[in-house]
Every structure is written in structure tokens, then in C-alpha cells.
Amino acid sequence: MKETLSQRFGRCVRQLRLEAGLSQVEFGERCGFYQRYLSRLERGQANPTLNAMEVIANALGLTIYELWEKVKALPRQ
């Protein structure tokens, strides 16, 4: 089955979060999101708004454009 954009985005966010050494709880506090939402997002079960994507990017020290470049660069699954 082809990976959806939501799944790919979530996989990228998870990878970047782990590289930053953050738990979902810590990352949630940094973003202002519940851990439960982040878990769903990382599994591709939630579709973030553009505003949420910008918050996530900023929490990772990136611009939204840089985050999308990283999403695009991930090998497809």
C-alpha cells in the first residue's frame, strides 16, 4: 500500500523529534499540543493544519519551508 502524505509527514516529524532528543511529551509542551495528538500525527492518523505545521516546524528550529523540504527528501515507503 502506498504511503499517504499524512504518513510521510508524520514519519518525518517523528524522525526530526527523535534526532532532537525529545519525547512526545516534551515536544508537545514545546508546541503547545497534547501528546495524544502528536502520536496520531506521527502515525499519519491526523491531518495538521497549516498553522499547526508552522508551529511544529518552529519547535524543531525550522521554517515551514525547510520542514517540507525534509518531508520531500524522505525516501518513499
PDB file of N, CA and C in Angstrom:
ATOM      1  N   MET A   1       0.838  -1.177   0.000  1.00  0.00           N
ATOM      2  CA  MET A   1       0.000   0.000   0.000  1.00  0.00           C
ATOM      3  C   MET A   1       0.891   1.251   0.000  1.00  0.00           C
ATOM      4  N   LYS A   2       0.522   2.220  -0.782  1.00  0.00           N
ATOM      5  CA  LYS A   2       1.301   3.437  -0.920  1.00  0.00           C
ATOM      6  C   LYS A   2       1.161   4.311   0.330  1.00  0.00           C
ATOM      7  N   GLU A   3       2.278   4.857   0.770  1.00  0.00           N
ATOM      8  CA  GLU A   3       2.301   5.750   1.932  1.00  0.00           C
ATOM      9  C   GLU A   3       1.590   7.059   1.584  1.00  0.00           C
ATOM     10  N   THR A   4       0.703   7.507   2.471  1.00  0.00           N
ATOM     11  CA  THR A   4      -0.004   8.761   2.244  1.00  0.00           C
ATOM     12  C   THR A   4       0.880   9.940   2.648  1.00  0.00           C
ATOM     13  N   LEU A   5       0.497  11.112   2.210  1.00  0.00           N
ATOM     14  CA  LEU A   5       1.233  12.315   2.580  1.00  0.00           C
ATOM     15  C   LEU A   5       1.204  12.522   4.092  1.00  0.00           C
ATOM     16  N   SER A   6       0.075  12.252   4.717  1.00  0.00           N
ATOM     17  CA  SER A   6      -0.020  12.379   6.180  1.00  0.00           C
ATOM     18  C   SER A   6       0.958  11.448   6.879  1.00  0.00           C
ATOM     19  N   GLN A   7       1.076  10.231   6.376  1.00  0.00           N
ATOM     20  CA  GLN A   7       2.007   9.269   6.969  1.00  0.00           C
ATOM     21  C   GLN A   7       3.453   9.712   6.767  1.00  0.00           C
ATOM     22  N   ARG A   8       3.742  10.203   5.595  1.00  0.00           N
ATOM     23  CA  ARG A   8       5.108  10.654   5.307  1.00  0.00           C
ATOM     24  C   ARG A   8       5.469  11.859   6.163  1.00  0.00           C
ATOM     25  N   PHE A   9       4.540  12.807   6.284  1.00  0.00           N
ATOM     26  CA  PHE A   9       4.772  13.981   7.119  1.00  0.00           C
ATOM     27  C   PHE A   9       5.007  13.558   8.560  1.00  0.00           C
ATOM     28  N   GLY A  10       4.158  12.672   9.066  1.00  0.00           N
ATOM     29  CA  GLY A  10       4.292  12.203  10.437  1.00  0.00           C
ATOM     30  C   GLY A  10       5.594  11.473  10.687  1.00  0.00           C
ATOM     31  N   ARG A  11       6.010  10.661   9.719  1.00  0.00           N
ATOM     32  CA  ARG A  11       7.277   9.939   9.835  1.00  0.00           C
ATOM     33  C   ARG A  11       8.445  10.917   9.899  1.00  0.00           C
ATOM     34  N   CYS A  12       8.366  11.977   9.120  1.00  0.00           N
ATOM     35  CA  CYS A  12       9.424  12.987   9.122  1.00  0.00           C
ATOM     36  C   CYS A  12       9.462  13.729  10.458  1.00  0.00           C
ATOM     37  N   VAL A  13       8.308  14.108  10.964  1.00  0.00           N
ATOM     38  CA  VAL A  13       8.245  14.814  12.243  1.00  0.00           C
ATOM     39  C   VAL A  13       8.815  13.927  13.349  1.00  0.00           C
ATOM     40  N   ARG A  14       8.434  12.661  13.355  1.00  0.00           N
ATOM     41  CA  ARG A  14       8.946  11.734  14.370  1.00  0.00           C
ATOM     42  C   ARG A  14      10.463  11.635  14.293  1.00  0.00           C
ATOM     43  N   GLN A  15      10.979  11.475  13.089  1.00  0.00           N
ATOM     44  CA  GLN A  15      12.433  11.357  12.904  1.00  0.00           C
ATOM     45  C   GLN A  15      13.145  12.615  13.408  1.00  0.00           C
ATOM     46  N   LEU A  16      12.633  13.779  13.058  1.00  0.00           N
ATOM     47  CA  LEU A  16      13.257  15.034  13.487  1.00  0.00           C
ATOM     48  C   LEU A  16      13.154  15.223  14.996  1.00  0.00           C
ATOM     49  N   ARG A  17      12.021  14.827  15.565  1.00  0.00           N
ATOM     50  CA  ARG A  17      11.834  14.928  17.021  1.00  0.00           C
ATOM     51  C   ARG A  17      12.839  14.044  17.742  1.00  0.00           C
ATOM     52  N   LEU A  18      13.002  12.819  17.262  1.00  0.00           N
ATOM     53  CA  LEU A  18      13.949  11.898  17.893  1.00  0.00           C
ATOM     54  C   LEU A  18      15.381  12.388  17.741  1.00  0.00           C
ATOM     55  N   GLU A  19      15.707  12.931  16.565  1.00  0.00           N
ATOM     56  CA  GLU A  19      17.051  13.483  16.356  1.00  0.00           C
ATOM     57  C   GLU A  19      17.326  14.636  17.316  1.00  0.00           C
ATOM     58  N   ALA A  20      16.276  15.371  17.690  1.00  0.00           N
ATOM     59  CA  ALA A  20      16.417  16.480  18.635  1.00  0.00           C
ATOM     60  C   ALA A  20      16.448  15.993  20.084  1.00  0.00           C
ATOM     61  N   GLY A  21      16.247  14.672  20.277  1.00  0.00           N
ATOM     62  CA  GLY A  21      16.289  14.095  21.620  1.00  0.00           C
ATOM     63  C   GLY A  21      15.081  14.423  22.467  1.00  0.00           C
ATOM     64  N   LEU A  22      13.921  14.620  21.824  1.00  0.00           N
ATOM     65  CA  LEU A  22      12.705  14.998  22.543  1.00  0.00           C
ATOM     66  C   LEU A  22      11.712  13.855  22.599  1.00  0.00           C
ATOM     67  N   SER A  23      11.095  13.678  23.758  1.00  0.00           N
ATOM     68  CA  SER A  23       9.976  12.739  23.865  1.00  0.00           C
ATOM     69  C   SER A  23       8.747  13.421  23.275  1.00  0.00           C
ATOM     70  N   GLN A  24       7.695  12.645  23.049  1.00  0.00           N
ATOM     71  CA  GLN A  24       6.454  13.256  22.560  1.00  0.00           C
ATOM     72  C   GLN A  24       5.900  14.251  23.569  1.00  0.00           C
ATOM     73  N   VAL A  25       6.031  13.958  24.842  1.00  0.00           N
ATOM     74  CA  VAL A  25       5.533  14.864  25.880  1.00  0.00           C
ATOM     75  C   VAL A  25       6.311  16.179  25.847  1.00  0.00           C
ATOM     76  N   GLU A  26       7.630  16.083  25.794  1.00  0.00           N
ATOM     77  CA  GLU A  26       8.459  17.297  25.730  1.00  0.00           C
ATOM     78  C   GLU A  26       8.159  18.102  24.470  1.00  0.00           C
ATOM     79  N   PHE A  27       8.037  17.404  23.350  1.00  0.00           N
ATOM     80  CA  PHE A  27       7.757  18.082  22.096  1.00  0.00           C
ATOM     81  C   PHE A  27       6.366  18.723  22.132  1.00  0.00           C
ATOM     82  N   GLY A  28       5.422  18.017  22.724  1.00  0.00           N
ATOM     83  CA  GLY A  28       4.076  18.567  22.874  1.00  0.00           C
ATOM     84  C   GLY A  28       4.070  19.841  23.690  1.00  0.00           C
ATOM     85  N   GLU A  29       4.845  19.859  24.760  1.00  0.00           N
ATOM     86  CA  GLU A  29       4.945  21.073  25.583  1.00  0.00           C
ATOM     87  C   GLU A  29       5.566  22.208  24.788  1.00  0.00           C
ATOM     88  N   ARG A  30       6.548  21.886  23.976  1.00  0.00           N
ATOM     89  CA  ARG A  30       7.214  22.895  23.161  1.00  0.00           C
ATOM     90  C   ARG A  30       6.258  23.468  22.104  1.00  0.00           C
ATOM     91  N   CYS A  31       5.401  22.597  21.571  1.00  0.00           N
ATOM     92  CA  CYS A  31       4.458  23.012  20.523  1.00  0.00           C
ATOM     93  C   CYS A  31       3.149  23.577  21.083  1.00  0.00           C
ATOM     94  N   GLY A  32       2.811  23.149  22.295  1.00  0.00           N
ATOM     95  CA  GLY A  32       1.508  23.504  22.844  1.00  0.00           C
ATOM     96  C   GLY A  32       0.418  22.534  22.411  1.00  0.00           C
ATOM     97  N   PHE A  33       0.813  21.305  22.031  1.00  0.00           N
ATOM     98  CA  PHE A  33      -0.120  20.267  21.601  1.00  0.00           C
ATOM     99  C   PHE A  33      -0.115  19.131  22.618  1.00  0.00           C
ATOM    100  N   TYR A  34      -1.230  18.412  22.690  1.00  0.00           N
ATOM    101  CA  TYR A  34      -1.291  17.232  23.534  1.00  0.00           C
ATOM    102  C   TYR A  34      -0.453  16.112  22.917  1.00  0.00           C
ATOM    103  N   GLN A  35       0.142  15.282  23.780  1.00  0.00           N
ATOM    104  CA  GLN A  35       0.935  14.150  23.327  1.00  0.00           C
ATOM    105  C   GLN A  35       0.087  13.218  22.473  1.00  0.00           C
ATOM    106  N   ARG A  36      -1.158  13.068  22.820  1.00  0.00           N
ATOM    107  CA  ARG A  36      -2.053  12.183  22.070  1.00  0.00           C
ATOM    108  C   ARG A  36      -2.191  12.636  20.613  1.00  0.00           C
ATOM    109  N   TYR A  37      -2.314  13.944  20.407  1.00  0.00           N
ATOM    110  CA  TYR A  37      -2.409  14.488  19.049  1.00  0.00           C
ATOM    111  C   TYR A  37      -1.114  14.228  18.281  1.00  0.00           C
ATOM    112  N   LEU A  38       0.022  14.462  18.926  1.00  0.00           N
ATOM    113  CA  LEU A  38       1.306  14.233  18.265  1.00  0.00           C
ATOM    114  C   LEU A  38       1.484  12.765  17.897  1.00  0.00           C
ATOM    115  N   SER A  39       1.028  11.879  18.751  1.00  0.00           N
ATOM    116  CA  SER A  39       1.114  10.456  18.455  1.00  0.00           C
ATOM    117  C   SER A  39       0.306  10.129  17.202  1.00  0.00           C
ATOM    118  N   ARG A  40      -0.903  10.649  17.124  1.00  0.00           N
ATOM    119  CA  ARG A  40      -1.739  10.422  15.938  1.00  0.00           C
ATOM    120  C   ARG A  40      -1.101  11.034  14.695  1.00  0.00           C
ATOM    121  N   LEU A  41      -0.515  12.211  14.849  1.00  0.00           N
ATOM    122  CA  LEU A  41       0.125  12.887  13.730  1.00  0.00           C
ATOM    123  C   LEU A  41       1.310  12.067  13.216  1.00  0.00           C
ATOM    124  N   GLU A  42       2.133  11.581  14.122  1.00  0.00           N
ATOM    125  CA  GLU A  42       3.319  10.813  13.738  1.00  0.00           C
ATOM    126  C   GLU A  42       2.963   9.490  13.075  1.00  0.00           C
ATOM    127  N   ARG A  43       1.788   8.967  13.356  1.00  0.00           N
ATOM    128  CA  ARG A  43       1.342   7.724  12.723  1.00  0.00           C
ATOM    129  C   ARG A  43       0.547   7.980  11.443  1.00  0.00           C
ATOM    130  N   GLY A  44       0.395   9.260  11.076  1.00  0.00           N
ATOM    131  CA  GLY A  44      -0.336   9.605   9.861  1.00  0.00           C
ATOM    132  C   GLY A  44      -1.830   9.523  10.007  1.00  0.00           C
ATOM    133  N   GLN A  45      -2.317   9.547  11.244  1.00  0.00           N
ATOM    134  CA  GLN A  45      -3.742   9.446  11.506  1.00  0.00           C
ATOM    135  C   GLN A  45      -4.400  10.798  11.772  1.00  0.00           C
ATOM    136  N   ALA A  46      -3.618  11.860  11.740  1.00  0.00           N
ATOM    137  CA  ALA A  46      -4.141  13.219  11.928  1.00  0.00           C
ATOM    138  C   ALA A  46      -3.602  14.086  10.799  1.00  0.00           C
ATOM    139  N   ASN A  47      -4.429  14.975  10.336  1.00  0.00           N
ATOM    140  CA  ASN A  47      -4.036  15.916   9.288  1.00  0.00           C
ATOM    141  C   ASN A  47      -3.864  17.290   9.917  1.00  0.00           C
ATOM    142  N   PRO A  48      -2.622  17.730  10.107  1.00  0.00           N
ATOM    143  CA  PRO A  48      -2.411  19.027  10.743  1.00  0.00           C
ATOM    144  C   PRO A  48      -2.802  20.176   9.818  1.00  0.00           C
ATOM    145  N   THR A  49      -3.224  21.260  10.421  1.00  0.00           N
ATOM    146  CA  THR A  49      -3.496  22.472   9.658  1.00  0.00           C
ATOM    147  C   THR A  49      -2.174  23.119   9.275  1.00  0.00           C
ATOM    148  N   LEU A  50      -2.236  24.071   8.379  1.00  0.00           N
ATOM    149  CA  LEU A  50      -1.016  24.803   8.016  1.00  0.00           C
ATOM    150  C   LEU A  50      -0.436  25.513   9.228  1.00  0.00           C
ATOM    151  N   ASN A  51      -1.292  26.060  10.070  1.00  0.00           N
ATOM    152  CA  ASN A  51      -0.803  26.729  11.281  1.00  0.00           C
ATOM    153  C   ASN A  51      -0.105  25.739  12.202  1.00  0.00           C
ATOM    154  N   ALA A  52      -0.663  24.531  12.347  1.00  0.00           N
ATOM    155  CA  ALA A  52      -0.035  23.507  13.188  1.00  0.00           C
ATOM    156  C   ALA A  52       1.308  23.091  12.604  1.00  0.00           C
ATOM    157  N   MET A  53       1.393  22.989  11.280  1.00  0.00           N
ATOM    158  CA  MET A  53       2.664  22.637  10.643  1.00  0.00           C
ATOM    159  C   MET A  53       3.722  23.697  10.913  1.00  0.00           C
ATOM    160  N   GLU A  54       3.315  24.939  10.907  1.00  0.00           N
ATOM    161  CA  GLU A  54       4.267  26.010  11.185  1.00  0.00           C
ATOM    162  C   GLU A  54       4.747  25.950  12.629  1.00  0.00           C
ATOM    163  N   VAL A  55       3.843  25.667  13.561  1.00  0.00           N
ATOM    164  CA  VAL A  55       4.215  25.534  14.974  1.00  0.00           C
ATOM    165  C   VAL A  55       5.196  24.381  15.148  1.00  0.00           C
ATOM    166  N   ILE A  56       4.920  23.259  14.487  1.00  0.00           N
ATOM    167  CA  ILE A  56       5.793  22.091  14.568  1.00  0.00           C
ATOM    168  C   ILE A  56       7.172  22.423  14.005  1.00  0.00           C
ATOM    169  N   ALA A  57       7.198  23.060  12.858  1.00  0.00           N
ATOM    170  CA  ALA A  57       8.477  23.435  12.242  1.00  0.00           C
ATOM    171  C   ALA A  57       9.272  24.338  13.172  1.00  0.00           C
ATOM    172  N   ASN A  58       8.619  25.352  13.720  1.00  0.00           N
ATOM    173  CA  ASN A  58       9.308  26.283  14.620  1.00  0.00           C
ATOM    174  C   ASN A  58       9.835  25.573  15.861  1.00  0.00           C
ATOM    175  N   ALA A  59       9.063  24.625  16.386  1.00  0.00           N
ATOM    176  CA  ALA A  59       9.501  23.873  17.570  1.00  0.00           C
ATOM    177  C   ALA A  59      10.728  23.018  17.258  1.00  0.00           C
ATOM    178  N   LEU A  60      10.893  22.678  15.985  1.00  0.00           N
ATOM    179  CA  LEU A  60      12.063  21.907  15.555  1.00  0.00           C
ATOM    180  C   LEU A  60      13.207  22.812  15.109  1.00  0.00           C
ATOM    181  N   GLY A  61      13.005  24.118  15.212  1.00  0.00           N
ATOM    182  CA  GLY A  61      14.045  25.064  14.813  1.00  0.00           C
ATOM    183  C   GLY A  61      14.124  25.257  13.304  1.00  0.00           C
ATOM    184  N   LEU A  62      13.013  25.001  12.612  1.00  0.00           N
ATOM    185  CA  LEU A  62      12.972  25.091  11.155  1.00  0.00           C
ATOM    186  C   LEU A  62      11.884  26.057  10.714  1.00  0.00           C
ATOM    187  N   THR A  63      11.976  26.486   9.479  1.00  0.00           N
ATOM    188  CA  THR A  63      10.842  27.179   8.877  1.00  0.00           C
ATOM    189  C   THR A  63       9.929  26.109   8.284  1.00  0.00           C
ATOM    190  N   ILE A  64       8.722  26.486   7.981  1.00  0.00           N
ATOM    191  CA  ILE A  64       7.801  25.522   7.372  1.00  0.00           C
ATOM    192  C   ILE A  64       8.332  25.046   6.020  1.00  0.00           C
ATOM    193  N   TYR A  65       9.027  25.927   5.316  1.00  0.00           N
ATOM    194  CA  TYR A  65       9.609  25.559   4.024  1.00  0.00           C
ATOM    195  C   TYR A  65      10.719  24.529   4.200  1.00  0.00           C
ATOM    196  N   GLU A  66      11.559  24.702   5.206  1.00  0.00           N
ATOM    197  CA  GLU A  66      12.628  23.738   5.486  1.00  0.00           C
ATOM    198  C   GLU A  66      12.040  22.385   5.882  1.00  0.00           C
ATOM    199  N   LEU A  67      10.971  22.413   6.684  1.00  0.00           N
ATOM    200  CA  LEU A  67      10.317  21.167   7.085  1.00  0.00           C
ATOM    201  C   LEU A  67       9.794  20.433   5.857  1.00  0.00           C
ATOM    202  N   TRP A  68       9.148  21.132   4.943  1.00  0.00           N
ATOM    203  CA  TRP A  68       8.616  20.481   3.738  1.00  0.00           C
ATOM    204  C   TRP A  68       9.731  19.936   2.856  1.00  0.00           C
ATOM    205  N   GLU A  69      10.857  20.605   2.811  1.00  0.00           N
ATOM    206  CA  GLU A  69      11.988  20.070   2.049  1.00  0.00           C
ATOM    207  C   GLU A  69      12.447  18.744   2.638  1.00  0.00           C
ATOM    208  N   LYS A  70      12.423  18.641   3.963  1.00  0.00           N
ATOM    209  CA  LYS A  70      12.825  17.395   4.631  1.00  0.00           C
ATOM    210  C   LYS A  70      11.795  16.293   4.370  1.00  0.00           C
ATOM    211  N   VAL A  71      10.510  16.664   4.360  1.00  0.00           N
ATOM    212  CA  VAL A  71       9.457  15.693   4.050  1.00  0.00           C
ATOM    213  C   VAL A  71       9.655  15.173   2.625  1.00  0.00           C
ATOM    214  N   LYS A  72       9.906  16.080   1.696  1.00  0.00           N
ATOM    215  CA  LYS A  72      10.098  15.685   0.294  1.00  0.00           C
ATOM    216  C   LYS A  72      11.331  14.810   0.111  1.00  0.00           C
ATOM    217  N   ALA A  73      12.358  15.022   0.916  1.00  0.00           N
ATOM    218  CA  ALA A  73      13.615  14.288   0.776  1.00  0.00           C
ATOM    219  C   ALA A  73      13.555  12.871   1.344  1.00  0.00           C
ATOM    220  N   LEU A  74      12.548  12.570   2.155  1.00  0.00           N
ATOM    221  CA  LEU A  74      12.447  11.218   2.724  1.00  0.00           C
ATOM    222  C   LEU A  74      12.202  10.200   1.621  1.00  0.00           C
ATOM    223  N   PRO A  75      12.864   9.064   1.695  1.00  0.00           N
ATOM    224  CA  PRO A  75      12.554   8.013   0.728  1.00  0.00           C
ATOM    225  C   PRO A  75      11.138   7.494   0.953  1.00  0.00           C
ATOM    226  N   ARG A  76      10.451   7.236  -0.109  1.00  0.00           N
ATOM    227  CA  ARG A  76       9.062   6.753  -0.005  1.00  0.00           C
ATOM    228  C   ARG A  76       9.039   5.316   0.525  1.00  0.00           C
ATOM    229  N   GLN A  77       7.978   5.038   1.246  1.00  0.00           N
ATOM    230  CA  GLN A  77       7.793   3.673   1.775  1.00  0.00           C
ATOM    231  C   GLN A  77       6.588   3.047   1.140  1.00  0.00           C
TER     232      GLN A  77
END
